[in-house]
Amino acid sequence: MHTLICGSIAYDTIMVFPGRFKEHILAEQLHILNVAFLVPEMRREFGGCAGNIAYNLKLLGGKPQVMATVGDDYQPYAYRLEKLQLSQRYVQHVTGTFTAQAFITTDLDDNQITAFHPGAMNHSHRNHVGDAMDVTLGIIAPDGREGMLQHAREFHAAGIPFLFDPGQGLPMFDGAELLEFVRLADFVAVNDYEGQLLQEKTQLRLDQIAQQVKSLVVTLGARGSLIFTGGQQIEIPCVKADSVVDPTGCGDAYRAGLLYGIANGMDWQHAGRLASLLGALKITQRGGQNHHFTRDEIADRFKQNFGTPVW
């Protein structure tokens, strides 16, 4: 049985400016800003929350199905998914659009200027949960606004448990809409900033939100994560990474670990630790899908870090 991953497929174009933005942007001239940065270093990564989550879940041995909308420039990503043996059955091409993409320029101080074009992602409502076969678990990751609302209602109506992961899409929704997501979802996952924003918009504390779902997961970066479930809080430690290279996609790797744990009946302590380990493995590589691991490697690292078997 499969895990349906509703979210974005995207390209990330990352450029490095070998200088400092502050030396070229004059504060007193911001009203007539007109600058150009020479970026001799550039790379293009495969990304998007759905793509990243599916990539990690596949490496774990899970059975992900991606549900996303893409544009006319999708072919390189399609070829990648084919090589990874990830099904594209529920990836819909929207003619006349671009696949969602971010253009990120970074300077020597790690400041970033980002432009994001949603493109085909805005048509995510064209996909329907009911079209997917043999689905027993789902996730709603950042996607088009209308599509996220629609897919939550469709998961609930179909009786399929799902994880609500609003991510950077959280500001698109008002308090009433976020309360609807919480009411419909079985699980919610946010980082600490998103957790604060969720509380402000819903006027509910985290413990009150947790009472409305089976589990609420809050990731805290280097401080690990907290899982609110059954009236208790489970502290999940952060796994020390071999190196810290790029946090892009770490949250997606973490969520893949959670989904694997839920689908395979792990307790929350176990699932949270697996998720934490995946985040530590991801952060050692640039981009959201350039890290690699086998199930045996996961088993070894899990035993080293937590002293118990993972499978």
Protein backbone atom coordinates (compact mmCIF):
# COMPACT_ATOMS: atom_id res chain seq x y z
CA MET A 1 0.00 0.00 0.00
CA HIS A 2 1.21 3.50 -0.84
CA THR A 3 1.83 6.88 0.79
CA LEU A 4 0.42 9.70 -1.35
CA ILE A 5 2.61 12.80 -1.26
CA CYS A 6 0.74 15.93 -2.30
CA GLY A 7 3.10 18.85 -2.76
CA SER A 8 5.38 20.68 -5.11
CA ILE A 9 7.81 19.53 -7.75
CA ALA A 10 10.32 22.33 -8.31
CA TYR A 11 13.69 23.32 -9.67
CA ASP A 12 16.09 25.27 -7.48
CA THR A 13 18.59 27.41 -9.38
CA ILE A 14 21.30 28.47 -6.96
CA MET A 15 23.85 31.16 -7.84
CA VAL A 16 26.81 32.31 -5.78
CA PHE A 17 27.94 35.94 -5.89
CA PRO A 18 31.63 36.11 -4.86
CA GLY A 19 31.14 39.38 -3.02
CA ARG A 20 28.83 41.02 -0.52
CA PHE A 21 25.42 42.47 -1.36
CA LYS A 22 25.90 45.27 1.16
CA GLU A 23 28.81 46.63 -0.86
CA HIS A 24 26.61 47.10 -3.92
CA ILE A 25 23.25 48.09 -2.45
CA LEU A 26 23.15 51.67 -1.19
CA ALA A 27 20.66 52.11 1.63
CA GLU A 28 19.87 55.70 0.66
CA GLN A 29 19.11 54.65 -2.94
CA LEU A 30 16.71 51.76 -2.30
CA HIS A 31 13.86 53.67 -3.96
CA ILE A 32 15.70 53.43 -7.29
CA LEU A 33 17.27 50.00 -6.80
CA ASN A 34 18.90 48.73 -10.01
CA VAL A 35 21.69 46.23 -9.45
CA ALA A 36 23.22 43.28 -11.27
CA PHE A 37 25.41 40.61 -9.73
CA LEU A 38 27.90 38.56 -11.72
CA VAL A 39 27.46 34.94 -10.59
CA PRO A 40 30.20 32.71 -12.03
CA GLU A 41 29.04 29.76 -9.93
CA MET A 42 25.58 28.31 -10.61
CA ARG A 43 23.90 24.96 -10.16
CA ARG A 44 20.41 23.60 -10.66
CA GLU A 45 18.95 21.20 -8.11
CA PHE A 46 15.88 18.99 -8.20
CA GLY A 47 13.62 20.04 -5.36
CA GLY A 48 10.09 20.78 -4.24
CA CYS A 49 8.67 19.30 -1.06
CA ALA A 50 6.91 16.38 -2.75
CA GLY A 51 10.00 15.47 -4.73
CA ASN A 52 12.27 15.67 -1.69
CA ILE A 53 9.96 13.69 0.60
CA ALA A 54 9.41 10.98 -2.01
CA TYR A 55 13.17 10.71 -2.64
CA ASN A 56 13.89 10.06 1.05
CA LEU A 57 10.94 7.74 1.56
CA LYS A 58 12.01 5.66 -1.44
CA LEU A 59 15.54 5.31 -0.01
CA LEU A 60 14.02 4.04 3.24
CA GLY A 61 12.13 1.35 1.38
CA GLY A 62 8.74 3.07 1.58
CA LYS A 63 6.17 3.23 -1.22
CA PRO A 64 5.68 6.88 -2.16
CA GLN A 65 3.33 8.13 -4.85
CA VAL A 66 3.85 11.77 -5.89
CA MET A 67 0.82 13.93 -6.67
CA ALA A 68 1.91 17.24 -8.21
CA THR A 69 1.48 19.58 -11.17
CA VAL A 70 4.37 20.48 -13.49
CA GLY A 71 5.03 22.67 -16.51
CA ASP A 72 6.43 22.44 -20.02
CA ASP A 73 10.02 22.29 -18.72
CA TYR A 74 9.41 19.13 -16.67
CA GLN A 75 11.33 16.64 -18.84
CA PRO A 76 14.67 16.69 -16.94
CA TYR A 77 12.81 16.04 -13.68
CA ALA A 78 10.71 13.33 -15.34
CA TYR A 79 13.89 11.59 -16.45
CA ARG A 80 15.26 11.77 -12.90
CA LEU A 81 12.11 10.28 -11.37
CA GLU A 82 12.21 7.52 -13.95
CA LYS A 83 15.80 6.67 -12.99
CA LEU A 84 14.81 6.68 -9.31
CA GLN A 85 11.88 4.38 -10.12
CA LEU A 86 9.43 6.87 -8.61
CA SER A 87 5.99 6.67 -10.19
CA GLN A 88 4.77 9.71 -12.16
CA ARG A 89 1.24 8.39 -12.50
CA TYR A 90 -0.24 11.31 -10.54
CA VAL A 91 2.09 14.03 -11.82
CA GLN A 92 -0.01 16.22 -14.12
CA HIS A 93 1.43 18.40 -16.88
CA VAL A 94 -0.18 21.83 -17.13
CA THR A 95 0.40 23.13 -20.67
CA GLY A 96 1.65 26.69 -21.02
CA THR A 97 3.23 26.89 -17.56
CA PHE A 98 6.66 26.46 -16.03
CA THR A 99 7.39 23.96 -13.30
CA ALA A 100 7.65 25.78 -9.95
CA GLN A 101 11.13 27.12 -9.41
CA ALA A 102 13.24 29.18 -7.06
CA PHE A 103 16.11 31.42 -8.14
CA ILE A 104 18.45 31.93 -5.22
CA THR A 105 21.52 34.19 -5.17
CA THR A 106 23.83 33.87 -2.17
CA ASP A 107 26.73 36.16 -1.23
CA LEU A 108 29.88 35.53 0.84
CA ASP A 109 28.01 36.39 4.06
CA ASP A 110 25.35 33.75 3.29
CA ASN A 111 22.76 36.45 2.65
CA GLN A 112 20.21 35.36 0.08
CA ILE A 113 18.02 37.04 -2.51
CA THR A 114 15.31 34.64 -3.68
CA ALA A 115 12.65 34.84 -6.35
CA PHE A 116 10.06 32.06 -6.44
CA HIS A 117 7.80 31.36 -9.39
CA PRO A 118 4.93 28.96 -8.50
CA GLY A 119 3.97 28.23 -12.10
CA ALA A 120 2.15 24.91 -12.46
CA MET A 121 1.97 24.55 -8.67
CA ASN A 122 -0.93 27.01 -8.70
CA HIS A 123 -2.94 24.38 -10.60
CA SER A 124 -2.50 21.64 -7.97
CA HIS A 125 -6.28 21.52 -7.47
CA ARG A 126 -6.53 19.74 -10.83
CA ASN A 127 -5.32 16.61 -9.05
CA HIS A 128 -7.70 14.64 -6.85
CA VAL A 129 -6.88 12.28 -4.00
CA GLY A 130 -9.68 9.99 -5.14
CA ASP A 131 -7.82 9.27 -8.39
CA ALA A 132 -4.97 7.56 -6.50
CA MET A 133 -5.12 3.81 -5.95
CA ASP A 134 -4.09 1.70 -2.93
CA VAL A 135 -3.33 4.69 -0.67
CA THR A 136 -3.31 4.16 3.10
CA LEU A 137 -1.47 7.31 4.23
CA GLY A 138 -0.94 10.80 2.89
CA ILE A 139 0.81 14.10 3.42
CA ILE A 140 -0.14 17.61 2.38
CA ALA A 141 3.11 19.52 1.91
CA PRO A 142 3.45 23.11 0.59
CA ASP A 143 1.65 23.41 -2.75
CA GLY A 144 -0.91 25.63 -4.44
CA ARG A 145 -3.29 27.19 -1.90
CA GLU A 146 -6.52 25.86 -3.43
CA GLY A 147 -5.00 22.43 -3.95
CA MET A 148 -3.89 22.11 -0.32
CA LEU A 149 -7.38 22.89 0.97
CA GLN A 150 -9.02 20.57 -1.54
CA HIS A 151 -6.67 17.65 -0.87
CA ALA A 152 -7.18 17.91 2.90
CA ARG A 153 -10.92 17.63 2.43
CA GLU A 154 -10.52 14.75 -0.02
CA PHE A 155 -8.19 12.78 2.27
CA HIS A 156 -10.64 13.21 5.14
CA ALA A 157 -13.66 12.28 3.04
CA ALA A 158 -11.87 9.14 1.83
CA GLY A 159 -10.95 8.13 5.38
CA ILE A 160 -7.22 8.23 4.59
CA PRO A 161 -5.09 9.47 7.52
CA PHE A 162 -2.74 12.30 6.55
CA LEU A 163 0.00 14.55 7.86
CA PHE A 164 -0.52 18.29 7.42
CA ASP A 165 2.83 19.98 6.77
CA PRO A 166 2.11 23.63 5.88
CA GLY A 167 5.77 24.70 5.73
CA GLN A 168 6.38 27.99 3.96
CA GLY A 169 2.81 27.88 2.68
CA LEU A 170 1.40 28.55 6.15
CA PRO A 171 1.09 32.36 5.68
CA MET A 172 -1.33 31.77 2.76
CA PHE A 173 -4.05 30.66 5.17
CA ASP A 174 -6.06 32.52 7.80
CA GLY A 175 -6.87 31.18 11.25
CA ALA A 176 -10.17 29.57 10.27
CA GLU A 177 -8.57 27.71 7.37
CA LEU A 178 -5.71 26.47 9.51
CA LEU A 179 -8.20 25.25 12.12
CA GLU A 180 -9.97 23.34 9.35
CA PHE A 181 -6.69 21.69 8.34
CA VAL A 182 -6.10 20.69 11.97
CA ARG A 183 -9.64 19.33 12.29
CA LEU A 184 -9.29 17.23 9.14
CA ALA A 185 -5.72 16.01 9.69
CA ASP A 186 -4.51 13.12 11.81
CA PHE A 187 -1.01 14.53 12.25
CA VAL A 188 0.56 18.01 12.02
CA ALA A 189 4.24 18.86 11.56
CA VAL A 190 5.78 22.35 11.78
CA ASN A 191 9.13 23.89 12.64
CA ASP A 192 9.47 26.21 15.63
CA TYR A 193 8.81 29.40 13.63
CA GLU A 194 5.79 27.87 11.90
CA GLY A 195 4.58 26.65 15.29
CA GLN A 196 4.61 30.21 16.61
CA LEU A 197 2.77 31.47 13.53
CA LEU A 198 0.23 28.66 13.80
CA GLN A 199 -0.51 29.65 17.39
CA GLU A 200 -0.91 33.32 16.48
CA LYS A 201 -3.26 32.63 13.58
CA THR A 202 -5.42 30.04 15.34
CA GLN A 203 -5.30 31.65 18.81
CA LEU A 204 -4.55 28.19 20.23
CA ARG A 205 -1.51 26.98 22.16
CA LEU A 206 0.47 24.05 20.81
CA ASP A 207 -0.86 21.75 23.50
CA GLN A 208 -4.42 22.72 22.54
CA ILE A 209 -3.73 22.03 18.86
CA ALA A 210 -2.20 18.69 19.85
CA GLN A 211 -5.44 17.68 21.55
CA GLN A 212 -7.21 17.83 18.19
CA VAL A 213 -4.85 15.46 16.34
CA LYS A 214 -3.15 12.15 17.05
CA SER A 215 0.25 13.82 17.10
CA LEU A 216 1.77 17.27 16.66
CA VAL A 217 5.45 17.39 15.72
CA VAL A 218 7.56 20.53 16.20
CA THR A 219 11.12 20.50 14.87
CA LEU A 220 13.63 22.72 16.66
CA GLY A 221 16.70 22.58 14.43
CA ALA A 222 19.88 21.77 16.37
CA ARG A 223 17.77 21.39 19.54
CA GLY A 224 16.00 18.31 18.18
CA SER A 225 12.22 18.07 18.06
CA LEU A 226 9.13 17.67 20.23
CA ILE A 227 6.26 15.29 19.61
CA PHE A 228 2.97 16.05 21.38
CA THR A 229 0.89 12.88 21.54
CA GLY A 230 -1.50 11.23 23.99
CA GLY A 231 -1.24 14.11 26.45
CA GLN A 232 2.54 13.88 26.73
CA GLN A 233 5.59 15.46 25.13
CA ILE A 234 8.29 13.24 23.69
CA GLU A 235 11.71 14.86 23.28
CA ILE A 236 13.62 13.69 20.22
CA PRO A 237 17.35 14.48 20.27
CA CYS A 238 19.16 16.00 17.30
CA VAL A 239 21.54 13.55 15.64
CA LYS A 240 25.01 15.04 15.23
CA ALA A 241 25.83 15.35 11.53
CA ASP A 242 29.21 14.41 10.07
CA SER A 243 29.30 17.91 8.55
CA VAL A 244 26.91 20.82 8.16
CA VAL A 245 26.79 21.80 4.49
CA ASP A 246 23.25 22.79 3.50
CA PRO A 247 19.98 22.66 5.50
CA THR A 248 17.85 22.78 2.33
CA GLY A 249 15.47 19.82 2.38
CA CYS A 250 16.26 18.70 5.94
CA GLY A 251 12.65 19.20 6.98
CA ASP A 252 11.49 17.10 4.03
CA ALA A 253 13.91 14.31 4.99
CA TYR A 254 12.59 14.45 8.56
CA ARG A 255 9.00 14.17 7.36
CA ALA A 256 9.88 11.15 5.22
CA GLY A 257 11.13 9.47 8.38
CA LEU A 258 7.87 10.27 10.15
CA LEU A 259 5.80 8.91 7.26
CA TYR A 260 7.82 5.71 7.18
CA GLY A 261 7.35 5.31 10.92
CA ILE A 262 3.60 5.90 10.76
CA ALA A 263 3.13 3.55 7.80
CA ASN A 264 5.08 0.79 9.54
CA GLY A 265 3.50 1.07 12.98
CA MET A 266 6.51 2.48 14.83
CA ASP A 267 5.97 4.21 18.15
CA TRP A 268 6.58 7.96 18.16
CA GLN A 269 9.90 7.76 19.99
CA HIS A 270 11.18 5.43 17.27
CA ALA A 271 9.69 7.34 14.33
CA GLY A 272 11.00 10.66 15.64
CA ARG A 273 14.52 9.29 16.04
CA LEU A 274 14.46 7.87 12.52
CA ALA A 275 13.29 11.24 11.22
CA SER A 276 16.06 13.03 13.14
CA LEU A 277 18.68 10.70 11.67
CA LEU A 278 17.47 11.38 8.12
CA GLY A 279 17.78 15.12 8.68
CA ALA A 280 21.38 14.67 9.86
CA LEU A 281 22.24 12.62 6.77
CA LYS A 282 20.68 15.18 4.43
CA ILE A 283 22.48 18.19 5.86
CA THR A 284 25.88 16.83 4.79
CA GLN A 285 25.09 17.40 1.09
CA ARG A 286 23.99 20.38 -1.00
CA GLY A 287 20.45 20.36 -2.36
CA GLY A 288 17.45 18.35 -1.29
CA GLN A 289 18.20 15.12 -3.17
CA ASN A 290 21.97 14.60 -3.38
CA HIS A 291 22.45 12.52 -0.23
CA HIS A 292 22.41 8.74 -0.39
CA PHE A 293 21.98 5.95 2.14
CA THR A 294 20.99 2.29 2.23
CA ARG A 295 18.75 0.58 4.75
CA ASP A 296 21.80 -1.16 6.19
CA GLU A 297 23.54 2.19 6.66
CA ILE A 298 20.45 3.57 8.39
CA ALA A 299 20.36 0.55 10.69
CA ASP A 300 24.03 0.99 11.61
CA ARG A 301 23.75 4.73 12.23
CA PHE A 302 20.56 4.32 14.24
CA LYS A 303 22.19 1.70 16.48
CA GLN A 304 25.26 3.92 16.94
CA ASN A 305 23.18 6.95 17.94
CA PHE A 306 20.39 5.38 19.96
CA GLY A 307 21.65 1.95 21.00
CA THR A 308 18.61 0.09 19.68
CA PRO A 309 17.71 -1.47 16.31
CA VAL A 310 15.60 0.59 13.93
CA TRP A 311 13.81 -2.17 12.00
